[in-house]
Amino acid sequence: MTAYGAAEALALATLAAREAGALLLELRRSPAAGVRSKSSATDLVSEADERAEAAIVSAIRRNRPGDAIVAEEGSGARGTSGVSWYVDPLDGTINYLYGIPHWSVSICCADGDGALAAVVFDPLREELFSAARGDGAWLGEQRLRVSDKHDLASSLVATGFGYGAAQRVTQGRIIANVVGEVRDVRRFGSAALDLSWVAAGRFDAYFESVEKPWDWMAGAMLVREAGGRVTELAPVDPAFPRIIASGPGVHDALTRLLANAVHKAENSID
């Protein structure tokens, strides 16, 4: 079996992400179609998600018919090559449907050694965050570096909430024990962009309970290739943090703070 190169994977991911981004920009000019709920009444999917995913999957299948595909809206494929693609065609669907200009296309290619190439594309800002294994993380032609912050108290931290009401209640308790220990907390609604902005040093850190690989794999690769650290947890409660990403200077302190916040949330009384 011929090894698949990181540069080739990155080129294909970039092509597919740009095609999907152009389609999403075109579709947002018309009223949203085919909107329905998934896991809960607040977890929505639209025709735009599905058409963007179809465009990405088509591009991958044309070029790599033997690869596996794991995609958010179900356009999966079992592969034989040992290479897999993790696709979130529209990360930030709620923002997209409400006209809030903060959403992205996220694609990660992985082989037996882990993430091989990753792209997070923000069509509205025309920002393409990308990484190939061992070649660093980039925003266009600008090489990215995570924040060099060493003081958690002055760190700007991004996060997100789940779709279930009970899950958000627990996450609110966790946030209550975090917000007073950091500069501030931001919640913008696209995990892929949150992680990309950590890679770019726009955020000092990020944590969330994101579970599905298409939610975080591309962004996590960007952070690591930008010199940051990513901790993957396996919490017993889906409301608890699953991914922690930051510059190396605050990572251990943030991990400890979150563990303490989770402990307090577990023992809180309504």
C-alpha atoms as a PDB file:
ATOM      1  CA  MET A   1       0.000   0.000   0.000  1.00  0.00           C
ATOM      2  CA  THR A   2       1.414   3.359  -1.020  1.00  0.00           C
ATOM      3  CA  ALA A   3       1.559   5.897   1.811  1.00  0.00           C
ATOM      4  CA  TYR A   4      -0.595   8.963   1.365  1.00  0.00           C
ATOM      5  CA  GLY A   5       1.402  12.171   1.741  1.00  0.00           C
ATOM      6  CA  ALA A   6       0.428  15.009   4.045  1.00  0.00           C
ATOM      7  CA  ALA A   7       0.806  17.585   1.283  1.00  0.00           C
ATOM      8  CA  GLU A   8      -1.551  15.647  -0.986  1.00  0.00           C
ATOM      9  CA  ALA A   9      -4.089  15.262   1.804  1.00  0.00           C
ATOM     10  CA  LEU A  10      -3.901  18.964   2.588  1.00  0.00           C
ATOM     11  CA  ALA A  11      -4.426  19.919  -1.038  1.00  0.00           C
ATOM     12  CA  LEU A  12      -7.548  17.783  -1.273  1.00  0.00           C
ATOM     13  CA  ALA A  13      -8.917  19.006   2.067  1.00  0.00           C
ATOM     14  CA  THR A  14      -8.383  22.600   0.954  1.00  0.00           C
ATOM     15  CA  LEU A  15     -10.130  22.017  -2.366  1.00  0.00           C
ATOM     16  CA  ALA A  16     -13.106  20.322  -0.712  1.00  0.00           C
ATOM     17  CA  ALA A  17     -13.425  22.950   2.032  1.00  0.00           C
ATOM     18  CA  ARG A  18     -13.367  25.811  -0.446  1.00  0.00           C
ATOM     19  CA  GLU A  19     -16.004  24.138  -2.624  1.00  0.00           C
ATOM     20  CA  ALA A  20     -18.264  23.642   0.384  1.00  0.00           C
ATOM     21  CA  GLY A  21     -17.630  27.184   1.609  1.00  0.00           C
ATOM     22  CA  ALA A  22     -18.609  28.680  -1.736  1.00  0.00           C
ATOM     23  CA  LEU A  23     -21.800  26.619  -1.743  1.00  0.00           C
ATOM     24  CA  LEU A  24     -22.696  27.694   1.795  1.00  0.00           C
ATOM     25  CA  LEU A  25     -22.181  31.352   0.901  1.00  0.00           C
ATOM     26  CA  GLU A  26     -24.492  30.950  -2.083  1.00  0.00           C
ATOM     27  CA  LEU A  27     -27.182  29.138  -0.095  1.00  0.00           C
ATOM     28  CA  ARG A  28     -27.273  31.743   2.681  1.00  0.00           C
ATOM     29  CA  ARG A  29     -28.645  34.272   0.185  1.00  0.00           C
ATOM     30  CA  SER A  30     -31.961  32.381   0.236  1.00  0.00           C
ATOM     31  CA  PRO A  31     -34.217  31.412   3.152  1.00  0.00           C
ATOM     32  CA  ALA A  32     -33.066  28.281   4.976  1.00  0.00           C
ATOM     33  CA  ALA A  33     -34.566  25.068   3.644  1.00  0.00           C
ATOM     34  CA  GLY A  34     -35.044  21.615   5.095  1.00  0.00           C
ATOM     35  CA  VAL A  35     -34.373  22.665   8.688  1.00  0.00           C
ATOM     36  CA  ARG A  36     -35.086  19.957  11.266  1.00  0.00           C
ATOM     37  CA  SER A  37     -33.865  18.835  14.672  1.00  0.00           C
ATOM     38  CA  LYS A  38     -31.394  16.030  15.393  1.00  0.00           C
ATOM     39  CA  SER A  39     -30.430  15.069  18.947  1.00  0.00           C
ATOM     40  CA  SER A  40     -32.675  17.720  20.523  1.00  0.00           C
ATOM     41  CA  ALA A  41     -34.946  20.608  19.584  1.00  0.00           C
ATOM     42  CA  THR A  42     -31.935  22.948  19.741  1.00  0.00           C
ATOM     43  CA  ASP A  43     -29.652  20.732  17.616  1.00  0.00           C
ATOM     44  CA  LEU A  44     -30.559  21.645  14.045  1.00  0.00           C
ATOM     45  CA  VAL A  45     -29.530  20.509  10.585  1.00  0.00           C
ATOM     46  CA  SER A  46     -30.467  22.133   7.294  1.00  0.00           C
ATOM     47  CA  GLU A  47     -30.304  21.474   3.577  1.00  0.00           C
ATOM     48  CA  ALA A  48     -27.182  23.652   3.567  1.00  0.00           C
ATOM     49  CA  ASP A  49     -25.384  21.211   5.911  1.00  0.00           C
ATOM     50  CA  GLU A  50     -26.361  18.270   3.735  1.00  0.00           C
ATOM     51  CA  ARG A  51     -25.459  19.849   0.413  1.00  0.00           C
ATOM     52  CA  ALA A  52     -22.101  21.072   1.727  1.00  0.00           C
ATOM     53  CA  GLU A  53     -21.354  17.601   3.049  1.00  0.00           C
ATOM     54  CA  ALA A  54     -22.298  16.037  -0.285  1.00  0.00           C
ATOM     55  CA  ALA A  55     -19.888  18.392  -2.069  1.00  0.00           C
ATOM     56  CA  ILE A  56     -17.030  17.467   0.269  1.00  0.00           C
ATOM     57  CA  VAL A  57     -17.715  13.747   0.110  1.00  0.00           C
ATOM     58  CA  SER A  58     -17.930  13.894  -3.689  1.00  0.00           C
ATOM     59  CA  ALA A  59     -14.543  15.626  -3.918  1.00  0.00           C
ATOM     60  CA  ILE A  60     -12.936  13.042  -1.648  1.00  0.00           C
ATOM     61  CA  ARG A  61     -14.514  10.069  -3.430  1.00  0.00           C
ATOM     62  CA  ARG A  62     -13.399  11.358  -6.837  1.00  0.00           C
ATOM     63  CA  ASN A  63      -9.813  11.561  -5.698  1.00  0.00           C
ATOM     64  CA  ARG A  64      -9.616   8.896  -2.981  1.00  0.00           C
ATOM     65  CA  PRO A  65     -12.275   6.211  -3.601  1.00  0.00           C
ATOM     66  CA  GLY A  66     -10.688   3.766  -1.167  1.00  0.00           C
ATOM     67  CA  ASP A  67     -10.654   6.053   1.857  1.00  0.00           C
ATOM     68  CA  ALA A  68     -13.091   5.933   4.758  1.00  0.00           C
ATOM     69  CA  ILE A  69     -15.292   8.949   5.442  1.00  0.00           C
ATOM     70  CA  VAL A  70     -16.828   9.870   8.801  1.00  0.00           C
ATOM     71  CA  ALA A  71     -19.181  12.809   8.299  1.00  0.00           C
ATOM     72  CA  GLU A  72     -21.575  14.596  10.634  1.00  0.00           C
ATOM     73  CA  GLU A  73     -24.675  14.332   8.483  1.00  0.00           C
ATOM     74  CA  GLY A  74     -24.271  10.636   7.729  1.00  0.00           C
ATOM     75  CA  SER A  75     -22.517  10.528   4.344  1.00  0.00           C
ATOM     76  CA  GLY A  76     -20.053   7.959   5.626  1.00  0.00           C
ATOM     77  CA  ALA A  77     -18.116   5.356   3.702  1.00  0.00           C
ATOM     78  CA  ARG A  78     -16.066   2.370   4.792  1.00  0.00           C
ATOM     79  CA  GLY A  79     -12.576   2.357   3.357  1.00  0.00           C
ATOM     80  CA  THR A  80      -9.819  -0.077   2.470  1.00  0.00           C
ATOM     81  CA  SER A  81      -6.815   2.266   2.274  1.00  0.00           C
ATOM     82  CA  GLY A  82      -6.176   2.899   5.984  1.00  0.00           C
ATOM     83  CA  VAL A  83      -6.904   6.613   5.442  1.00  0.00           C
ATOM     84  CA  SER A  84      -9.975   8.282   6.960  1.00  0.00           C
ATOM     85  CA  TRP A  85     -11.603  11.676   6.510  1.00  0.00           C
ATOM     86  CA  TYR A  86     -13.514  13.422   9.308  1.00  0.00           C
ATOM     87  CA  VAL A  87     -15.930  16.000   7.939  1.00  0.00           C
ATOM     88  CA  ASP A  88     -18.043  18.709   9.540  1.00  0.00           C
ATOM     89  CA  PRO A  89     -19.545  20.526   6.553  1.00  0.00           C
ATOM     90  CA  LEU A  90     -20.992  23.372   8.624  1.00  0.00           C
ATOM     91  CA  ASP A  91     -19.700  23.856  12.150  1.00  0.00           C
ATOM     92  CA  GLY A  92     -21.920  26.510  13.667  1.00  0.00           C
ATOM     93  CA  THR A  93     -25.241  25.640  12.043  1.00  0.00           C
ATOM     94  CA  ILE A  94     -27.252  27.711  14.541  1.00  0.00           C
ATOM     95  CA  ASN A  95     -25.113  30.774  13.788  1.00  0.00           C
ATOM     96  CA  TYR A  96     -25.542  30.146  10.066  1.00  0.00           C
ATOM     97  CA  LEU A  97     -29.324  29.854  10.333  1.00  0.00           C
ATOM     98  CA  TYR A  98     -29.605  32.982  12.493  1.00  0.00           C
ATOM     99  CA  GLY A  99     -27.371  35.033  10.217  1.00  0.00           C
ATOM    100  CA  ILE A 100     -24.586  35.280  12.796  1.00  0.00           C
ATOM    101  CA  PRO A 101     -21.304  35.534  10.856  1.00  0.00           C
ATOM    102  CA  HIS A 102     -19.349  32.848  12.692  1.00  0.00           C
ATOM    103  CA  TRP A 103     -19.321  29.354  11.181  1.00  0.00           C
ATOM    104  CA  SER A 104     -16.860  27.153   9.348  1.00  0.00           C
ATOM    105  CA  VAL A 105     -16.091  24.066   7.298  1.00  0.00           C
ATOM    106  CA  SER A 106     -13.864  21.521   9.076  1.00  0.00           C
ATOM    107  CA  ILE A 107     -12.008  18.600   7.485  1.00  0.00           C
ATOM    108  CA  CYS A 108      -9.331  16.319   8.939  1.00  0.00           C
ATOM    109  CA  CYS A 109      -7.527  13.485   7.154  1.00  0.00           C
ATOM    110  CA  ALA A 110      -5.977  10.773   9.328  1.00  0.00           C
ATOM    111  CA  ASP A 111      -3.973   7.593   8.841  1.00  0.00           C
ATOM    112  CA  GLY A 112      -2.712   4.917  11.205  1.00  0.00           C
ATOM    113  CA  ASP A 113      -0.390   7.401  12.902  1.00  0.00           C
ATOM    114  CA  GLY A 114      -3.087   9.984  13.600  1.00  0.00           C
ATOM    115  CA  ALA A 115      -3.997  13.297  11.999  1.00  0.00           C
ATOM    116  CA  LEU A 116      -2.267  13.779   8.647  1.00  0.00           C
ATOM    117  CA  ALA A 117      -3.741  17.067   7.420  1.00  0.00           C
ATOM    118  CA  ALA A 118      -6.431  19.471   8.567  1.00  0.00           C
ATOM    119  CA  VAL A 119      -8.339  22.460   7.263  1.00  0.00           C
ATOM    120  CA  VAL A 120     -10.791  24.797   8.967  1.00  0.00           C
ATOM    121  CA  PHE A 121     -12.229  27.297   6.503  1.00  0.00           C
ATOM    122  CA  ASP A 122     -14.104  30.472   7.469  1.00  0.00           C
ATOM    123  CA  PRO A 123     -15.723  31.552   4.192  1.00  0.00           C
ATOM    124  CA  LEU A 124     -17.075  34.856   5.490  1.00  0.00           C
ATOM    125  CA  ARG A 125     -13.653  36.111   6.565  1.00  0.00           C
ATOM    126  CA  GLU A 126     -11.893  34.190   3.768  1.00  0.00           C
ATOM    127  CA  GLU A 127      -9.605  32.640   6.392  1.00  0.00           C
ATOM    128  CA  LEU A 128      -8.193  29.194   5.714  1.00  0.00           C
ATOM    129  CA  PHE A 129      -6.510  27.579   8.714  1.00  0.00           C
ATOM    130  CA  SER A 130      -4.452  24.571   7.673  1.00  0.00           C
ATOM    131  CA  ALA A 131      -1.909  22.071   8.901  1.00  0.00           C
ATOM    132  CA  ALA A 132       0.059  19.152   7.500  1.00  0.00           C
ATOM    133  CA  ARG A 133       1.826  16.720   9.776  1.00  0.00           C
ATOM    134  CA  GLY A 134       5.195  18.082  10.837  1.00  0.00           C
ATOM    135  CA  ASP A 135       4.854  21.298   8.812  1.00  0.00           C
ATOM    136  CA  GLY A 136       3.241  23.588  11.358  1.00  0.00           C
ATOM    137  CA  ALA A 137      -0.110  25.360  11.304  1.00  0.00           C
ATOM    138  CA  TRP A 138      -0.906  28.187   8.937  1.00  0.00           C
ATOM    139  CA  LEU A 139      -3.414  30.930   8.207  1.00  0.00           C
ATOM    140  CA  GLY A 140      -2.864  31.433   4.519  1.00  0.00           C
ATOM    141  CA  GLU A 141       0.864  32.132   4.266  1.00  0.00           C
ATOM    142  CA  GLN A 142       1.204  33.161   7.924  1.00  0.00           C
ATOM    143  CA  ARG A 143       2.646  30.559  10.260  1.00  0.00           C
ATOM    144  CA  LEU A 144       0.660  30.251  13.469  1.00  0.00           C
ATOM    145  CA  ARG A 145       1.860  30.067  17.054  1.00  0.00           C
ATOM    146  CA  VAL A 146      -0.236  29.541  20.141  1.00  0.00           C
ATOM    147  CA  SER A 147      -0.268  32.088  22.940  1.00  0.00           C
ATOM    148  CA  ASP A 148       2.814  32.270  25.145  1.00  0.00           C
ATOM    149  CA  LYS A 149       0.675  33.192  28.150  1.00  0.00           C
ATOM    150  CA  HIS A 150       1.820  31.689  31.466  1.00  0.00           C
ATOM    151  CA  ASP A 151      -0.727  33.321  33.763  1.00  0.00           C
ATOM    152  CA  LEU A 152      -4.134  31.641  33.790  1.00  0.00           C
ATOM    153  CA  ALA A 153      -5.712  34.636  35.524  1.00  0.00           C
ATOM    154  CA  SER A 154      -5.044  36.802  32.469  1.00  0.00           C
ATOM    155  CA  SER A 155      -6.003  34.155  29.898  1.00  0.00           C
ATOM    156  CA  LEU A 156      -8.945  34.475  27.518  1.00  0.00           C
ATOM    157  CA  VAL A 157     -10.702  31.112  27.370  1.00  0.00           C
ATOM    158  CA  ALA A 158     -13.214  29.838  24.802  1.00  0.00           C
ATOM    159  CA  THR A 159     -15.834  27.194  25.426  1.00  0.00           C
ATOM    160  CA  GLY A 160     -19.156  25.854  24.204  1.00  0.00           C
ATOM    161  CA  PHE A 161     -22.309  24.241  25.563  1.00  0.00           C
ATOM    162  CA  GLY A 162     -24.190  21.080  24.710  1.00  0.00           C
ATOM    163  CA  TYR A 163     -27.629  20.816  23.130  1.00  0.00           C
ATOM    164  CA  GLY A 164     -29.459  19.162  26.042  1.00  0.00           C
ATOM    165  CA  ALA A 165     -30.943  21.404  28.715  1.00  0.00           C
ATOM    166  CA  ALA A 166     -29.660  19.264  31.609  1.00  0.00           C
ATOM    167  CA  GLN A 167     -26.209  19.195  30.046  1.00  0.00           C
ATOM    168  CA  ARG A 168     -26.140  22.995  29.805  1.00  0.00           C
ATOM    169  CA  VAL A 169     -27.188  23.341  33.445  1.00  0.00           C
ATOM    170  CA  THR A 170     -24.192  21.258  34.511  1.00  0.00           C
ATOM    171  CA  GLN A 171     -21.895  23.165  32.168  1.00  0.00           C
ATOM    172  CA  GLY A 172     -23.176  26.431  33.621  1.00  0.00           C
ATOM    173  CA  ARG A 173     -22.088  25.259  37.070  1.00  0.00           C
ATOM    174  CA  ILE A 174     -18.658  24.410  35.714  1.00  0.00           C
ATOM    175  CA  ILE A 175     -18.329  27.807  34.028  1.00  0.00           C
ATOM    176  CA  ALA A 176     -19.321  29.506  37.278  1.00  0.00           C
ATOM    177  CA  ASN A 177     -16.223  27.990  38.889  1.00  0.00           C
ATOM    178  CA  VAL A 178     -13.969  28.973  35.985  1.00  0.00           C
ATOM    179  CA  VAL A 179     -14.926  32.495  34.958  1.00  0.00           C
ATOM    180  CA  GLY A 180     -13.591  34.119  38.123  1.00  0.00           C
ATOM    181  CA  GLU A 181     -10.184  32.467  37.683  1.00  0.00           C
ATOM    182  CA  VAL A 182      -9.441  33.639  34.129  1.00  0.00           C
ATOM    183  CA  ARG A 183      -9.506  36.930  32.220  1.00  0.00           C
ATOM    184  CA  ASP A 184     -12.866  36.062  30.683  1.00  0.00           C
ATOM    185  CA  VAL A 185     -14.763  33.353  28.818  1.00  0.00           C
ATOM    186  CA  ARG A 186     -16.021  33.474  25.234  1.00  0.00           C
ATOM    187  CA  ARG A 187     -18.710  31.250  23.697  1.00  0.00           C
ATOM    188  CA  PHE A 188     -19.025  31.855  19.928  1.00  0.00           C
ATOM    189  CA  GLY A 189     -20.625  28.653  18.646  1.00  0.00           C
ATOM    190  CA  SER A 190     -18.078  26.935  16.392  1.00  0.00           C
ATOM    191  CA  ALA A 191     -15.706  24.492  18.077  1.00  0.00           C
ATOM    192  CA  ALA A 192     -13.561  24.234  14.942  1.00  0.00           C
ATOM    193  CA  LEU A 193     -13.035  28.005  14.848  1.00  0.00           C
ATOM    194  CA  ASP A 194     -12.449  28.144  18.613  1.00  0.00           C
ATOM    195  CA  LEU A 195      -9.591  25.663  18.232  1.00  0.00           C
ATOM    196  CA  SER A 196      -8.273  27.444  15.150  1.00  0.00           C
ATOM    197  CA  TRP A 197      -8.226  30.699  17.095  1.00  0.00           C
ATOM    198  CA  VAL A 198      -6.273  29.003  19.893  1.00  0.00           C
ATOM    199  CA  ALA A 199      -3.755  27.938  17.242  1.00  0.00           C
ATOM    200  CA  ALA A 200      -3.608  31.547  16.031  1.00  0.00           C
ATOM    201  CA  GLY A 201      -3.164  32.954  19.538  1.00  0.00           C
ATOM    202  CA  ARG A 202      -6.500  34.790  19.432  1.00  0.00           C
ATOM    203  CA  PHE A 203      -7.631  32.707  22.391  1.00  0.00           C
ATOM    204  CA  ASP A 204      -5.255  31.533  25.084  1.00  0.00           C
ATOM    205  CA  ALA A 205      -7.213  28.327  25.705  1.00  0.00           C
ATOM    206  CA  TYR A 206     -10.354  26.342  24.953  1.00  0.00           C
ATOM    207  CA  PHE A 207     -12.340  23.556  26.557  1.00  0.00           C
ATOM    208  CA  GLU A 208     -15.607  21.857  25.696  1.00  0.00           C
ATOM    209  CA  SER A 209     -17.513  18.594  25.971  1.00  0.00           C
ATOM    210  CA  VAL A 210     -17.368  17.996  22.187  1.00  0.00           C
ATOM    211  CA  GLU A 211     -17.516  14.278  21.530  1.00  0.00           C
ATOM    212  CA  LYS A 212     -17.711  13.500  17.828  1.00  0.00           C
ATOM    213  CA  PRO A 213     -14.355  13.381  16.009  1.00  0.00           C
ATOM    214  CA  TRP A 214     -15.479  15.733  13.240  1.00  0.00           C
ATOM    215  CA  ASP A 215     -16.086  18.402  15.897  1.00  0.00           C
ATOM    216  CA  TRP A 216     -12.510  18.657  17.119  1.00  0.00           C
ATOM    217  CA  MET A 217      -9.957  16.625  15.147  1.00  0.00           C
ATOM    218  CA  ALA A 218      -9.038  19.300  12.603  1.00  0.00           C
ATOM    219  CA  GLY A 219      -8.840  22.038  15.218  1.00  0.00           C
ATOM    220  CA  ALA A 220      -6.826  19.887  17.609  1.00  0.00           C
ATOM    221  CA  MET A 221      -4.260  19.209  14.893  1.00  0.00           C
ATOM    222  CA  LEU A 222      -3.961  22.945  14.232  1.00  0.00           C
ATOM    223  CA  VAL A 223      -3.292  23.617  17.919  1.00  0.00           C
ATOM    224  CA  ARG A 224      -0.651  20.895  18.169  1.00  0.00           C
ATOM    225  CA  GLU A 225       1.088  21.968  14.972  1.00  0.00           C
ATOM    226  CA  ALA A 226       1.086  25.559  16.292  1.00  0.00           C
ATOM    227  CA  GLY A 227       3.028  24.441  19.373  1.00  0.00           C
ATOM    228  CA  GLY A 228       0.092  23.996  21.718  1.00  0.00           C
ATOM    229  CA  ARG A 229      -1.141  21.161  23.856  1.00  0.00           C
ATOM    230  CA  VAL A 230      -4.388  19.226  23.582  1.00  0.00           C
ATOM    231  CA  THR A 231      -5.684  16.910  26.288  1.00  0.00           C
ATOM    232  CA  GLU A 232      -8.395  14.420  25.352  1.00  0.00           C
ATOM    233  CA  LEU A 233     -10.480  13.234  28.289  1.00  0.00           C
ATOM    234  CA  ALA A 234     -13.062  10.458  28.662  1.00  0.00           C
ATOM    235  CA  PRO A 235     -15.551  11.927  31.165  1.00  0.00           C
ATOM    236  CA  VAL A 236     -18.252   9.810  32.744  1.00  0.00           C
ATOM    237  CA  ASP A 237     -20.765  12.616  32.241  1.00  0.00           C
ATOM    238  CA  PRO A 238     -21.181  14.028  28.701  1.00  0.00           C
ATOM    239  CA  ALA A 239     -21.534  17.505  30.183  1.00  0.00           C
ATOM    240  CA  PHE A 240     -17.975  17.475  31.499  1.00  0.00           C
ATOM    241  CA  PRO A 241     -15.006  18.784  29.469  1.00  0.00           C
ATOM    242  CA  ARG A 242     -13.697  16.330  26.891  1.00  0.00           C
ATOM    243  CA  ILE A 243     -11.160  18.478  25.022  1.00  0.00           C
ATOM    244  CA  ILE A 244      -8.762  20.990  26.602  1.00  0.00           C
ATOM    245  CA  ALA A 245      -6.492  22.969  24.267  1.00  0.00           C
ATOM    246  CA  SER A 246      -4.111  25.836  24.994  1.00  0.00           C
ATOM    247  CA  GLY A 247      -0.639  27.196  24.801  1.00  0.00           C
ATOM    248  CA  PRO A 248       1.769  25.123  26.901  1.00  0.00           C
ATOM    249  CA  GLY A 249       2.216  27.818  29.545  1.00  0.00           C
ATOM    250  CA  VAL A 250      -1.302  27.560  30.996  1.00  0.00           C
ATOM    251  CA  HIS A 251      -2.307  24.035  30.061  1.00  0.00           C
ATOM    252  CA  ASP A 252      -1.623  22.252  33.331  1.00  0.00           C
ATOM    253  CA  ALA A 253      -3.162  25.057  35.384  1.00  0.00           C
ATOM    254  CA  LEU A 254      -6.316  25.062  33.246  1.00  0.00           C
ATOM    255  CA  THR A 255      -6.594  21.274  33.457  1.00  0.00           C
ATOM    256  CA  ARG A 256      -6.402  21.458  37.257  1.00  0.00           C
ATOM    257  CA  LEU A 257      -8.915  24.309  37.389  1.00  0.00           C
ATOM    258  CA  LEU A 258     -11.387  22.348  35.262  1.00  0.00           C
ATOM    259  CA  ALA A 259     -10.967  19.214  37.364  1.00  0.00           C
ATOM    260  CA  ASN A 260     -11.782  21.276  40.457  1.00  0.00           C
ATOM    261  CA  ALA A 261     -14.742  22.936  38.708  1.00  0.00           C
ATOM    262  CA  VAL A 262     -16.108  19.545  37.675  1.00  0.00           C
ATOM    263  CA  HIS A 263     -15.734  18.247  41.219  1.00  0.00           C
ATOM    264  CA  LYS A 264     -17.694  21.214  42.569  1.00  0.00           C
ATOM    265  CA  ALA A 265     -20.378  20.788  39.889  1.00  0.00           C
ATOM    266  CA  GLU A 266     -20.738  17.105  40.794  1.00  0.00           C
ATOM    267  CA  ASN A 267     -21.255  17.971  44.427  1.00  0.00           C
ATOM    268  CA  SER A 268     -23.486  21.011  43.989  1.00  0.00           C
ATOM    269  CA  ILE A 269     -27.068  20.888  45.267  1.00  0.00           C
ATOM    270  CA  ASP A 270     -30.008  22.392  43.403  1.00  0.00           C
END
